[in-house]
């Protein structure tokens, strides 16, 4: 029986791959593939956008706006993440159950606080921003809290999982020595996961930069605001200038993140002002500078959110969401549910199409993007074009993932007619770079010996790929596909804001016409869809292990 288990798993993964491929093909039938998918001037517009990419506007005025907008985007992201970390740290510890004594209390704590984390992370940050703006008006805190709540939920869930995965022996040793639960947490759990917590927080901070940039869609400033204005004026050369500033911000955070991770993993024996201390000091100064700018430069004060006027607006808004003073709320109407569920199915089709396009693009490009293939250490074959191709694909990945999905959608909607296809393409363009980067790292970390044996035996590149590399990395590839599909599911509602179809387009209309109970209905459908995606993804991940 044990000998058959690997064969069973191999067939399991094969049939799962076929199933995912069939589902992707099914999603393609939701599009009418003809010339009508393009606008009448779609192709000329695409050429104009590409021309703007080649010749961006580098005038002093545009560069000045780009620099100031980049700082606003960074300040919002830093302030939001600082609150998110506090929220995630407290609720994540409670959700892990490490502070509880009895089994029943531990289970209750896990269920309750994990439910809170699940609720806050299931709603996209742009939706949170729109809700805050509708409730309390335009304020930097609408952007900051909109970033803090979902990112805190994501971080809190990861922190709780890290605490639950801590090995038992050191914890039992502390408990047997008489340590209290707080002491066990401080001296047992946290030292073992501290580096991983900081490392993952830095990764999420890079994501928050992109999220901060799209806050402009609800009227808040930053790079996204300048991109939106330039697109409205059809000044594509300015659009790309601001996008390059955004890419620069993402690269800055990526380099800083690598710097921090290096300081955490390397043990330095010398004393003095080490890399770790410099990173910590820089982080503290950046957090202080961001909050000072928001308080003094933006003249925003947190307690203003609790003014009588804002509280009255919030009561009216959230009362409208639950259907107060409305005879027939949309979320209690069967016809409204039927229409919303149809949109939910369209949103599902869009997400599957998006992850399918991203997977195909990543699969085609991932081999030359792996460093151990570029330098020939994996395949024992060095070609002159390996390094140029490696650099080109890696730059393509950075460019792809640095531009938020909403920004891609705002440009693509000028080329394609409103519908599921432009939304799927926008989501695929962003996630292709992320998926390719993750896959390339999987190939770089794989065991070289079996592949070298194949190469030494005279196997061709195609044979090495299909008989050596793919069987080894396919489980990890499938895991990352499912992980990105979960993320895409959360983001489908956002690209719908600019006419890309699904729940997002109807959500925008409901907000514009103050149909509050319709908003509640759409959010319920959206959350159900995210929960289903989480369940399907988790079940599938177990099947490939």
Protein backbone atom coordinates (compact mmCIF):
# COMPACT_ATOMS: atom_id res chain seq x y z
CA UNK A 1 0.00 0.00 0.00
CA UNK A 2 2.80 2.39 0.87
CA UNK A 3 4.51 1.68 -2.44
CA UNK A 4 1.35 2.67 -4.34
CA UNK A 5 1.01 5.96 -2.50
CA UNK A 6 3.49 7.98 -4.64
CA UNK A 7 1.83 6.62 -7.79
CA UNK A 8 -1.57 7.58 -6.42
CA UNK A 9 -0.33 11.08 -5.67
CA UNK A 10 1.16 11.39 -9.14
CA UNK A 11 -2.17 10.44 -10.75
CA UNK A 12 -3.93 12.78 -8.31
CA UNK A 13 -1.83 15.72 -9.47
CA UNK A 14 -2.25 14.75 -13.13
CA UNK A 15 -6.04 14.62 -12.93
CA UNK A 16 -6.07 17.83 -10.90
CA UNK A 17 -4.05 19.56 -13.63
CA UNK A 18 -6.52 18.30 -16.26
CA UNK A 19 -9.44 19.52 -14.13
CA UNK A 20 -7.94 23.01 -13.74
CA UNK A 21 -7.28 23.15 -17.48
CA UNK A 22 -10.89 22.13 -18.21
CA UNK A 23 -12.24 24.80 -15.86
CA UNK A 24 -10.09 27.42 -17.60
CA UNK A 25 -11.41 26.34 -21.03
CA UNK A 26 -14.96 26.54 -19.63
CA UNK A 27 -14.37 30.15 -18.54
CA UNK A 28 -13.30 31.11 -22.08
CA UNK A 29 -16.79 30.32 -23.38
CA UNK A 30 -18.15 33.30 -21.42
CA UNK A 31 -16.54 35.60 -24.04
CA UNK A 32 -17.80 36.10 -27.59
CA UNK A 33 -14.50 35.93 -29.44
CA UNK A 34 -14.95 38.28 -32.40
CA UNK A 35 -13.95 41.76 -33.54
CA UNK A 36 -16.62 43.28 -31.27
CA UNK A 37 -14.43 42.80 -28.21
CA UNK A 38 -12.37 45.81 -29.37
CA UNK A 39 -13.41 49.44 -29.41
CA UNK A 40 -13.59 51.01 -32.87
CA UNK A 41 -10.39 52.92 -32.08
CA UNK A 42 -8.94 50.27 -29.79
CA UNK A 43 -5.88 49.37 -31.86
CA UNK A 44 -4.83 53.02 -32.52
CA UNK A 45 -5.31 53.75 -28.81
CA UNK A 46 -3.09 50.81 -27.91
CA UNK A 47 -0.39 52.17 -30.24
CA UNK A 48 -0.68 55.60 -28.57
CA UNK A 49 -0.29 53.98 -25.14
CA UNK A 50 2.82 52.14 -26.33
CA UNK A 51 4.21 55.37 -27.79
CA UNK A 52 3.75 57.00 -24.39
CA UNK A 53 5.72 54.14 -22.85
CA UNK A 54 8.64 54.76 -25.19
CA UNK A 55 8.51 58.56 -24.84
CA UNK A 56 7.38 59.40 -21.28
CA UNK A 57 6.92 63.03 -20.23
CA UNK A 58 10.06 64.04 -18.33
CA UNK A 59 9.25 67.73 -17.90
CA UNK A 60 10.12 69.36 -14.58
CA UNK A 61 6.46 69.94 -13.70
CA UNK A 62 5.48 66.29 -14.23
CA UNK A 63 8.57 65.00 -12.40
CA UNK A 64 7.81 67.32 -9.47
CA UNK A 65 4.22 66.09 -9.27
CA UNK A 66 5.43 62.51 -9.55
CA UNK A 67 7.88 62.95 -6.68
CA UNK A 68 5.36 64.58 -4.33
CA UNK A 69 2.67 62.03 -5.25
CA UNK A 70 5.12 59.17 -4.66
CA UNK A 71 5.76 60.51 -1.15
CA UNK A 72 1.99 60.69 -0.44
CA UNK A 73 1.57 57.11 -1.66
CA UNK A 74 4.49 55.95 0.50
CA UNK A 75 3.28 57.88 3.57
CA UNK A 76 -0.23 56.38 3.34
CA UNK A 77 1.22 52.88 2.95
CA UNK A 78 3.62 53.28 5.89
CA UNK A 79 0.93 54.71 8.18
CA UNK A 80 -1.57 52.04 7.16
CA UNK A 81 0.88 49.20 7.65
CA UNK A 82 1.98 50.52 11.05
CA UNK A 83 -1.64 50.24 12.26
CA UNK A 84 -2.05 46.90 10.47
CA UNK A 85 0.94 45.41 12.30
CA UNK A 86 -0.47 46.47 15.70
CA UNK A 87 -3.89 45.01 14.87
CA UNK A 88 -2.38 41.83 13.40
CA UNK A 89 -0.03 41.30 16.35
CA UNK A 90 -2.79 41.55 18.99
CA UNK A 91 -5.57 39.69 17.16
CA UNK A 92 -3.12 37.17 15.63
CA UNK A 93 -1.92 36.15 19.11
CA UNK A 94 -5.51 35.82 20.32
CA UNK A 95 -6.44 33.84 17.18
CA UNK A 96 -3.57 31.40 17.79
CA UNK A 97 -4.95 30.40 21.19
CA UNK A 98 -1.51 30.53 22.82
CA UNK A 99 -2.75 32.62 25.75
CA UNK A 100 -5.63 30.32 26.69
CA UNK A 101 -5.45 27.43 29.13
CA UNK A 102 -8.29 24.97 28.55
CA UNK A 103 -8.95 23.23 25.23
CA UNK A 104 -12.46 24.72 25.00
CA UNK A 105 -11.21 28.27 25.59
CA UNK A 106 -8.43 27.73 23.04
CA UNK A 107 -10.92 26.51 20.41
CA UNK A 108 -13.35 29.37 21.13
CA UNK A 109 -10.57 31.94 20.90
CA UNK A 110 -9.37 30.50 17.60
CA UNK A 111 -12.84 30.40 16.02
CA UNK A 112 -13.88 33.88 17.18
CA UNK A 113 -10.71 35.81 16.40
CA UNK A 114 -9.95 33.91 13.20
CA UNK A 115 -13.47 34.81 12.13
CA UNK A 116 -12.67 38.49 12.71
CA UNK A 117 -9.45 38.19 10.72
CA UNK A 118 -11.28 36.37 7.93
CA UNK A 119 -13.99 39.04 7.73
CA UNK A 120 -11.56 41.95 7.62
CA UNK A 121 -9.27 40.43 5.00
CA UNK A 122 -12.04 39.16 2.71
CA UNK A 123 -13.10 42.70 1.69
CA UNK A 124 -10.70 44.49 -0.66
CA UNK A 125 -8.94 47.62 0.61
CA UNK A 126 -10.53 49.82 -2.07
CA UNK A 127 -13.99 48.72 -0.88
CA UNK A 128 -12.99 49.65 2.68
CA UNK A 129 -11.79 53.04 1.38
CA UNK A 130 -15.07 53.65 -0.41
CA UNK A 131 -17.04 52.71 2.71
CA UNK A 132 -14.95 55.05 4.90
CA UNK A 133 -15.24 57.93 2.43
CA UNK A 134 -19.01 57.43 2.23
CA UNK A 135 -19.25 57.32 6.02
CA UNK A 136 -16.86 60.08 7.15
CA UNK A 137 -15.88 61.97 3.98
CA UNK A 138 -12.56 62.52 2.25
CA UNK A 139 -9.67 62.19 4.68
CA UNK A 140 -6.21 60.61 4.62
CA UNK A 141 -7.50 58.36 7.40
CA UNK A 142 -9.98 56.83 4.96
CA UNK A 143 -6.98 55.52 2.98
CA UNK A 144 -4.94 54.64 6.07
CA UNK A 145 -7.72 52.66 7.77
CA UNK A 146 -8.70 51.06 4.45
CA UNK A 147 -5.14 49.70 4.21
CA UNK A 148 -4.83 48.83 7.89
CA UNK A 149 -7.97 46.68 8.18
CA UNK A 150 -7.51 44.13 5.34
CA UNK A 151 -3.72 44.00 5.64
CA UNK A 152 -4.06 43.55 9.39
CA UNK A 153 -6.41 40.64 8.70
CA UNK A 154 -3.95 39.05 6.28
CA UNK A 155 -0.96 39.54 8.58
CA UNK A 156 -2.92 38.40 11.65
CA UNK A 157 -3.89 35.13 9.99
CA UNK A 158 -0.24 34.46 9.01
CA UNK A 159 1.02 35.42 12.50
CA UNK A 160 -1.50 33.04 14.09
CA UNK A 161 -0.40 30.20 11.78
CA UNK A 162 3.25 30.88 12.59
CA UNK A 163 2.52 30.69 16.33
CA UNK A 164 0.63 27.42 15.88
CA UNK A 165 3.53 25.92 13.90
CA UNK A 166 6.14 26.57 16.63
CA UNK A 167 7.77 23.28 17.77
CA UNK A 168 6.50 21.94 21.11
CA UNK A 169 9.78 21.02 22.93
CA UNK A 170 11.01 24.56 23.74
CA UNK A 171 7.50 25.62 24.81
CA UNK A 172 7.08 22.59 27.06
CA UNK A 173 10.52 23.27 28.59
CA UNK A 174 9.46 26.81 29.53
CA UNK A 175 6.13 25.64 30.95
CA UNK A 176 7.80 22.93 33.00
CA UNK A 177 10.13 25.60 34.43
CA UNK A 178 7.09 27.48 35.73
CA UNK A 179 6.80 30.22 33.08
CA UNK A 180 3.46 31.97 32.77
CA UNK A 181 1.64 32.11 29.44
CA UNK A 182 2.81 35.69 28.83
CA UNK A 183 6.40 34.69 29.61
CA UNK A 184 6.06 31.66 27.34
CA UNK A 185 4.83 33.93 24.55
CA UNK A 186 7.62 36.51 25.01
CA UNK A 187 10.53 34.14 25.63
CA UNK A 188 9.32 31.04 23.79
CA UNK A 189 7.03 31.68 20.84
CA UNK A 190 8.05 35.14 19.60
CA UNK A 191 11.86 34.65 19.41
CA UNK A 192 11.31 31.60 17.19
CA UNK A 193 9.06 33.36 14.66
CA UNK A 194 10.21 36.98 14.95
CA UNK A 195 12.35 36.93 11.82
CA UNK A 196 9.61 35.27 9.75
CA UNK A 197 7.04 37.78 10.99
CA UNK A 198 9.20 40.72 9.93
CA UNK A 199 10.07 39.10 6.61
CA UNK A 200 6.41 38.50 5.71
CA UNK A 201 5.44 41.99 6.90
CA UNK A 202 7.98 43.47 4.49
CA UNK A 203 6.49 41.43 1.65
CA UNK A 204 2.99 42.71 2.47
CA UNK A 205 4.37 46.24 2.70
CA UNK A 206 5.42 46.00 -0.95
CA UNK A 207 1.82 45.03 -1.76
CA UNK A 208 0.48 47.95 0.29
CA UNK A 209 2.40 50.40 -1.91
CA UNK A 210 0.35 49.27 -4.90
CA UNK A 211 -2.84 49.35 -2.85
CA UNK A 212 -2.05 52.87 -1.63
CA UNK A 213 -1.65 54.04 -5.23
CA UNK A 214 -5.21 53.07 -6.18
CA UNK A 215 -6.82 54.95 -3.30
CA UNK A 216 -7.19 57.87 -5.73
CA UNK A 217 -10.19 56.11 -7.25
CA UNK A 218 -12.30 57.27 -4.31
CA UNK A 219 -10.86 60.79 -4.38
CA UNK A 220 -7.70 60.42 -2.29
CA UNK A 221 -4.30 61.68 -3.46
CA UNK A 222 -1.13 59.93 -4.55
CA UNK A 223 0.33 58.49 -7.71
CA UNK A 224 -2.96 56.84 -8.63
CA UNK A 225 -4.66 60.22 -8.65
CA UNK A 226 -2.13 61.58 -11.15
CA UNK A 227 -2.44 58.45 -13.30
CA UNK A 228 -6.22 58.77 -13.31
CA UNK A 229 -6.10 62.47 -14.30
CA UNK A 230 -3.60 61.79 -17.09
CA UNK A 231 -5.71 58.95 -18.46
CA UNK A 232 -8.80 61.17 -18.43
CA UNK A 233 -6.86 63.77 -20.47
CA UNK A 234 -5.48 61.01 -22.77
CA UNK A 235 -1.91 62.06 -21.91
CA UNK A 236 -0.37 58.60 -22.04
CA UNK A 237 3.20 59.90 -21.86
CA UNK A 238 2.40 61.37 -18.44
CA UNK A 239 0.64 58.16 -17.40
CA UNK A 240 3.82 56.16 -17.94
CA UNK A 241 5.93 58.74 -16.09
CA UNK A 242 3.79 58.30 -12.98
CA UNK A 243 3.77 54.52 -13.45
CA UNK A 244 7.59 54.60 -13.53
CA UNK A 245 7.52 56.46 -10.19
CA UNK A 246 5.29 53.69 -8.84
CA UNK A 247 7.65 51.02 -10.15
CA UNK A 248 10.51 52.90 -8.49
CA UNK A 249 8.64 52.84 -5.16
CA UNK A 250 8.05 49.09 -5.44
CA UNK A 251 11.73 48.51 -6.29
CA UNK A 252 12.76 50.68 -3.33
CA UNK A 253 10.63 48.59 -0.97
CA UNK A 254 11.88 45.37 -2.59
CA UNK A 255 15.52 46.37 -2.07
CA UNK A 256 14.79 47.55 1.47
CA UNK A 257 12.97 44.27 2.18
CA UNK A 258 15.95 42.23 0.96
CA UNK A 259 18.20 44.41 3.12
CA UNK A 260 16.04 43.74 6.20
CA UNK A 261 15.82 39.99 5.51
CA UNK A 262 19.57 39.80 5.05
CA UNK A 263 20.07 41.52 8.38
CA UNK A 264 17.71 39.05 10.04
CA UNK A 265 19.25 35.89 8.62
CA UNK A 266 22.96 36.69 8.83
CA UNK A 267 24.64 36.40 12.21
CA UNK A 268 27.16 39.14 12.71
CA UNK A 269 29.80 38.75 15.36
CA UNK A 270 31.13 42.28 15.16
CA UNK A 271 29.67 44.94 17.39
CA UNK A 272 28.59 48.37 16.35
CA UNK A 273 26.03 49.94 14.07
CA UNK A 274 25.10 46.80 12.13
CA UNK A 275 22.84 46.46 9.12
CA UNK A 276 19.95 45.34 11.33
CA UNK A 277 20.17 48.47 13.49
CA UNK A 278 20.36 50.73 10.43
CA UNK A 279 17.24 49.08 8.99
CA UNK A 280 15.40 49.44 12.30
CA UNK A 281 16.37 53.10 12.63
CA UNK A 282 15.34 53.81 9.04
CA UNK A 283 11.98 52.10 9.64
CA UNK A 284 11.31 54.13 12.79
CA UNK A 285 12.22 57.41 11.08
CA UNK A 286 10.02 56.57 8.08
CA UNK A 287 7.03 55.77 10.30
CA UNK A 288 7.50 58.98 12.31
CA UNK A 289 7.97 61.04 9.13
CA UNK A 290 4.82 59.59 7.56
CA UNK A 291 2.63 60.31 10.59
CA UNK A 292 4.07 63.81 10.99
CA UNK A 293 3.32 64.55 7.32
CA UNK A 294 -0.24 63.21 7.61
CA UNK A 295 -0.90 65.17 10.81
CA UNK A 296 0.79 68.46 9.85
CA UNK A 297 1.17 68.39 6.06
CA UNK A 298 -2.30 66.97 5.36
CA UNK A 299 -3.77 68.64 8.47
CA UNK A 300 -5.58 65.40 9.33
CA UNK A 301 -6.42 64.46 12.90
CA UNK A 302 -7.73 61.07 13.96
CA UNK A 303 -10.16 62.48 16.50
CA UNK A 304 -11.93 64.43 13.75
CA UNK A 305 -13.35 61.10 12.60
CA UNK A 306 -15.27 60.98 15.89
CA UNK A 307 -16.88 64.40 15.51
CA UNK A 308 -20.66 64.66 15.90
CA UNK A 309 -21.05 65.39 12.19
CA UNK A 310 -19.05 62.34 11.10
CA UNK A 311 -20.78 60.08 13.61
CA UNK A 312 -24.15 61.23 12.22
CA UNK A 313 -23.01 60.48 8.66
CA UNK A 314 -21.69 57.07 9.72
CA UNK A 315 -24.97 56.18 11.45
CA UNK A 316 -26.94 57.14 8.35
CA UNK A 317 -24.63 55.21 6.03
CA UNK A 318 -24.33 52.00 8.03
CA UNK A 319 -28.02 52.19 8.92
CA UNK A 320 -28.72 52.26 5.20
CA UNK A 321 -26.55 49.18 4.69
CA UNK A 322 -28.68 47.11 7.09
CA UNK A 323 -31.92 48.41 5.56
CA UNK A 324 -33.24 50.72 8.26
CA UNK A 325 -36.32 52.68 7.12
CA UNK A 326 -36.51 50.64 3.89
CA UNK A 327 -39.58 48.49 3.24
CA UNK A 328 -37.97 45.98 0.85
CA UNK A 329 -34.19 45.71 1.26
CA UNK A 330 -32.41 44.26 -1.75
CA UNK A 331 -30.79 41.51 0.34
CA UNK A 332 -34.30 40.20 1.20
CA UNK A 333 -35.56 40.26 -2.39
CA UNK A 334 -35.41 37.04 -4.44
CA UNK A 335 -35.14 38.87 -7.78
CA UNK A 336 -32.18 40.93 -6.54
CA UNK A 337 -30.47 37.76 -5.31
CA UNK A 338 -30.95 36.08 -8.70
CA UNK A 339 -29.37 39.03 -10.54
CA UNK A 340 -26.52 39.25 -8.01
CA UNK A 341 -25.77 35.53 -8.24
CA UNK A 342 -25.53 35.84 -12.01
CA UNK A 343 -22.94 38.58 -11.53
CA UNK A 344 -21.19 36.34 -9.00
CA UNK A 345 -20.87 33.62 -11.65
CA UNK A 346 -19.43 36.17 -14.08
CA UNK A 347 -16.93 37.25 -11.43
CA UNK A 348 -15.91 33.63 -10.92
CA UNK A 349 -15.42 33.21 -14.68
CA UNK A 350 -13.30 36.37 -14.80
CA UNK A 351 -11.05 35.16 -11.99
CA UNK A 352 -10.52 31.74 -13.60
CA UNK A 353 -9.78 33.36 -16.96
CA UNK A 354 -7.30 35.74 -15.31
CA UNK A 355 -5.34 33.05 -13.47
CA UNK A 356 -5.36 30.95 -16.65
CA UNK A 357 -3.86 33.75 -18.77
CA UNK A 358 -1.30 34.53 -16.04
CA UNK A 359 -0.34 30.84 -15.74
CA UNK A 360 0.22 30.46 -19.48
CA UNK A 361 2.37 33.62 -19.65
CA UNK A 362 4.40 32.58 -16.57
CA UNK A 363 4.90 29.04 -17.90
CA UNK A 364 6.27 30.34 -21.21
CA UNK A 365 8.75 32.71 -19.53
CA UNK A 366 9.76 31.04 -16.25
CA UNK A 367 12.59 28.80 -17.55
CA UNK A 368 14.84 31.65 -18.80
CA UNK A 369 13.94 33.65 -15.64
CA UNK A 370 15.66 31.16 -13.30
CA UNK A 371 19.19 32.19 -12.32
CA UNK A 372 20.52 28.62 -12.17
CA UNK A 373 19.42 28.10 -15.78
CA UNK A 374 20.87 31.42 -16.90
CA UNK A 375 24.30 30.60 -15.45
CA UNK A 376 24.13 26.97 -16.64
CA UNK A 377 24.58 25.42 -13.17
CA UNK A 378 21.32 23.45 -13.43
CA UNK A 379 21.41 22.15 -17.01
CA UNK A 380 25.21 22.19 -17.50
CA UNK A 381 24.63 24.27 -20.63
CA UNK A 382 25.78 27.88 -21.05
CA UNK A 383 24.57 29.96 -23.97
CA UNK A 384 25.48 33.57 -24.76
CA UNK A 385 21.82 34.61 -24.82
CA UNK A 386 20.97 33.17 -21.35
CA UNK A 387 21.84 36.28 -19.33
CA UNK A 388 20.25 38.88 -21.69
CA UNK A 389 17.08 36.78 -21.77
CA UNK A 390 17.18 36.39 -17.99
CA UNK A 391 17.47 40.17 -17.52
CA UNK A 392 14.69 40.92 -20.00
CA UNK A 393 12.20 38.48 -18.41
CA UNK A 394 13.04 39.61 -14.88
CA UNK A 395 12.47 43.27 -15.84
CA UNK A 396 9.20 42.19 -17.44
CA UNK A 397 8.16 40.55 -14.15
CA UNK A 398 9.01 43.69 -12.16
CA UNK A 399 7.12 45.88 -14.62
CA UNK A 400 4.11 43.55 -14.61
CA UNK A 401 3.67 43.21 -10.86
CA UNK A 402 4.52 46.83 -9.99
CA UNK A 403 1.48 48.23 -11.81
CA UNK A 404 -1.74 47.65 -9.80
CA UNK A 405 -4.61 45.75 -11.40
CA UNK A 406 -6.84 48.82 -11.39
CA UNK A 407 -4.25 50.87 -13.31
CA UNK A 408 -3.90 48.10 -15.90
CA UNK A 409 -7.71 47.99 -16.17
CA UNK A 410 -7.98 51.75 -16.61
CA UNK A 411 -5.66 51.53 -19.64
CA UNK A 412 -7.05 48.32 -21.12
CA UNK A 413 -10.63 49.60 -21.03
CA UNK A 414 -9.58 52.13 -23.71
CA UNK A 415 -8.77 49.19 -26.01
CA UNK A 416 -11.45 46.59 -25.23
CA UNK A 417 -15.16 47.10 -24.78
CA UNK A 418 -16.52 46.80 -21.20
CA UNK A 419 -16.94 43.19 -20.10
CA UNK A 420 -15.15 40.28 -18.51
CA UNK A 421 -12.23 40.15 -20.95
CA UNK A 422 -10.56 43.51 -20.08
CA UNK A 423 -10.89 42.68 -16.37
CA UNK A 424 -9.35 39.24 -16.86
CA UNK A 425 -6.46 40.68 -18.91
CA UNK A 426 -5.77 43.41 -16.33
CA UNK A 427 -5.71 40.86 -13.49
CA UNK A 428 -3.53 38.52 -15.55
CA UNK A 429 -1.01 41.24 -16.42
CA UNK A 430 -0.44 42.05 -12.75
CA UNK A 431 -0.35 38.46 -11.48
CA UNK A 432 1.81 37.15 -14.32
CA UNK A 433 4.84 38.96 -12.89
CA UNK A 434 4.17 37.71 -9.36
CA UNK A 435 3.58 34.13 -10.47
CA UNK A 436 6.66 34.11 -12.70
CA UNK A 437 8.87 35.44 -9.91
CA UNK A 438 7.60 32.83 -7.43
CA UNK A 439 8.00 30.00 -9.93
CA UNK A 440 11.52 31.09 -10.88
CA UNK A 441 12.50 31.00 -7.20
CA UNK A 442 11.11 27.45 -6.95
CA UNK A 443 13.35 26.34 -9.84
CA UNK A 444 16.35 28.13 -8.29
CA UNK A 445 15.82 26.29 -4.97
CA UNK A 446 15.38 22.79 -6.44
CA UNK A 447 17.89 19.96 -6.09
CA UNK A 448 20.37 20.19 -9.00
CA UNK A 449 21.59 16.59 -8.96
CA UNK A 450 18.74 14.78 -10.84
CA UNK A 451 18.68 17.47 -13.55
CA UNK A 452 22.46 17.32 -13.98
CA UNK A 453 22.27 13.53 -14.31
CA UNK A 454 19.75 13.94 -17.13
CA UNK A 455 21.92 16.55 -18.84
CA UNK A 456 25.02 14.35 -18.50
CA UNK A 457 23.10 11.46 -20.08
CA UNK A 458 22.53 13.58 -23.19
CA UNK A 459 18.90 14.65 -22.60
CA UNK A 460 17.67 17.58 -24.71
CA UNK A 461 16.29 20.77 -23.20
CA UNK A 462 12.72 19.63 -23.82
CA UNK A 463 13.42 16.28 -22.15
CA UNK A 464 15.08 18.00 -19.19
CA UNK A 465 12.03 20.25 -18.85
CA UNK A 466 9.35 17.56 -19.01
CA UNK A 467 11.19 14.68 -17.29
CA UNK A 468 13.37 16.56 -14.82
CA UNK A 469 12.17 20.03 -13.89
CA UNK A 470 8.38 19.87 -14.21
CA UNK A 471 7.74 16.69 -12.15
CA UNK A 472 9.77 18.22 -9.31
CA UNK A 473 8.32 21.72 -9.27
CA UNK A 474 4.72 21.05 -10.41
CA UNK A 475 3.25 20.67 -6.87
CA UNK A 476 4.72 24.03 -5.82
CA UNK A 477 3.59 25.58 -9.10
CA UNK A 478 0.02 24.40 -8.47
CA UNK A 479 0.15 25.73 -4.91
CA UNK A 480 1.17 29.20 -6.11
CA UNK A 481 -1.51 29.15 -8.84
CA UNK A 482 -4.18 28.46 -6.23
CA UNK A 483 -2.75 31.09 -3.87
CA UNK A 484 -2.82 33.76 -6.58
CA UNK A 485 -6.33 32.70 -7.59
CA UNK A 486 -7.50 33.48 -4.04
CA UNK A 487 -5.93 36.93 -4.33
CA UNK A 488 -7.44 37.49 -7.79
CA UNK A 489 -10.87 36.60 -6.43
CA UNK A 490 -10.61 39.45 -3.93
CA UNK A 491 -9.49 41.86 -6.65
CA UNK A 492 -12.10 41.10 -9.34
CA UNK A 493 -14.51 43.55 -7.74
CA UNK A 494 -11.96 46.35 -8.11
CA UNK A 495 -11.36 46.05 -11.87
CA UNK A 496 -15.14 46.06 -12.26
CA UNK A 497 -15.13 49.67 -11.08
CA UNK A 498 -13.85 50.82 -14.48
CA UNK A 499 -16.28 48.77 -16.53
CA UNK A 500 -14.62 45.36 -16.49
CA UNK A 501 -17.84 43.54 -15.55
CA UNK A 502 -18.83 41.29 -12.67
CA UNK A 503 -19.81 42.37 -9.18
CA UNK A 504 -17.53 45.41 -9.25
CA UNK A 505 -19.42 47.28 -11.97
CA UNK A 506 -22.76 46.81 -10.20
CA UNK A 507 -21.16 47.77 -6.88
CA UNK A 508 -19.97 51.07 -8.35
CA UNK A 509 -23.44 51.82 -9.73
CA UNK A 510 -25.04 51.00 -6.38
CA UNK A 511 -22.63 53.39 -4.62
CA UNK A 512 -23.28 56.12 -7.19
CA UNK A 513 -27.08 55.88 -6.77
CA UNK A 514 -26.93 55.42 -2.95
CA UNK A 515 -28.58 51.98 -3.14
CA UNK A 516 -27.23 50.90 0.23
CA UNK A 517 -29.06 47.58 0.61
CA UNK A 518 -27.89 46.62 -2.89
CA UNK A 519 -24.34 47.30 -1.69
CA UNK A 520 -24.91 44.94 1.24
CA UNK A 521 -26.25 42.26 -1.11
CA UNK A 522 -23.24 42.55 -3.42
CA UNK A 523 -20.82 42.43 -0.48
CA UNK A 524 -22.54 39.27 0.79
CA UNK A 525 -22.16 37.64 -2.64
CA UNK A 526 -18.56 38.77 -2.79
CA UNK A 527 -17.76 37.34 0.66
CA UNK A 528 -19.48 34.05 -0.20
CA UNK A 529 -17.37 33.86 -3.35
CA UNK A 530 -14.16 34.50 -1.40
CA UNK A 531 -15.07 31.86 1.21
CA UNK A 532 -15.80 29.30 -1.54
CA UNK A 533 -12.49 30.17 -3.19
CA UNK A 534 -10.64 29.72 0.13
CA UNK A 535 -12.29 26.35 0.68
CA UNK A 536 -11.67 25.10 -2.87
CA UNK A 537 -8.08 26.33 -2.79
CA UNK A 538 -7.33 24.73 0.58
CA UNK A 539 -8.88 21.40 -0.49
CA UNK A 540 -6.92 21.40 -3.74
CA UNK A 541 -3.67 22.23 -1.97
CA UNK A 542 -4.15 19.19 0.27
CA UNK A 543 -4.71 17.04 -2.81
CA UNK A 544 -1.35 18.00 -4.36
CA UNK A 545 0.69 17.38 -1.21
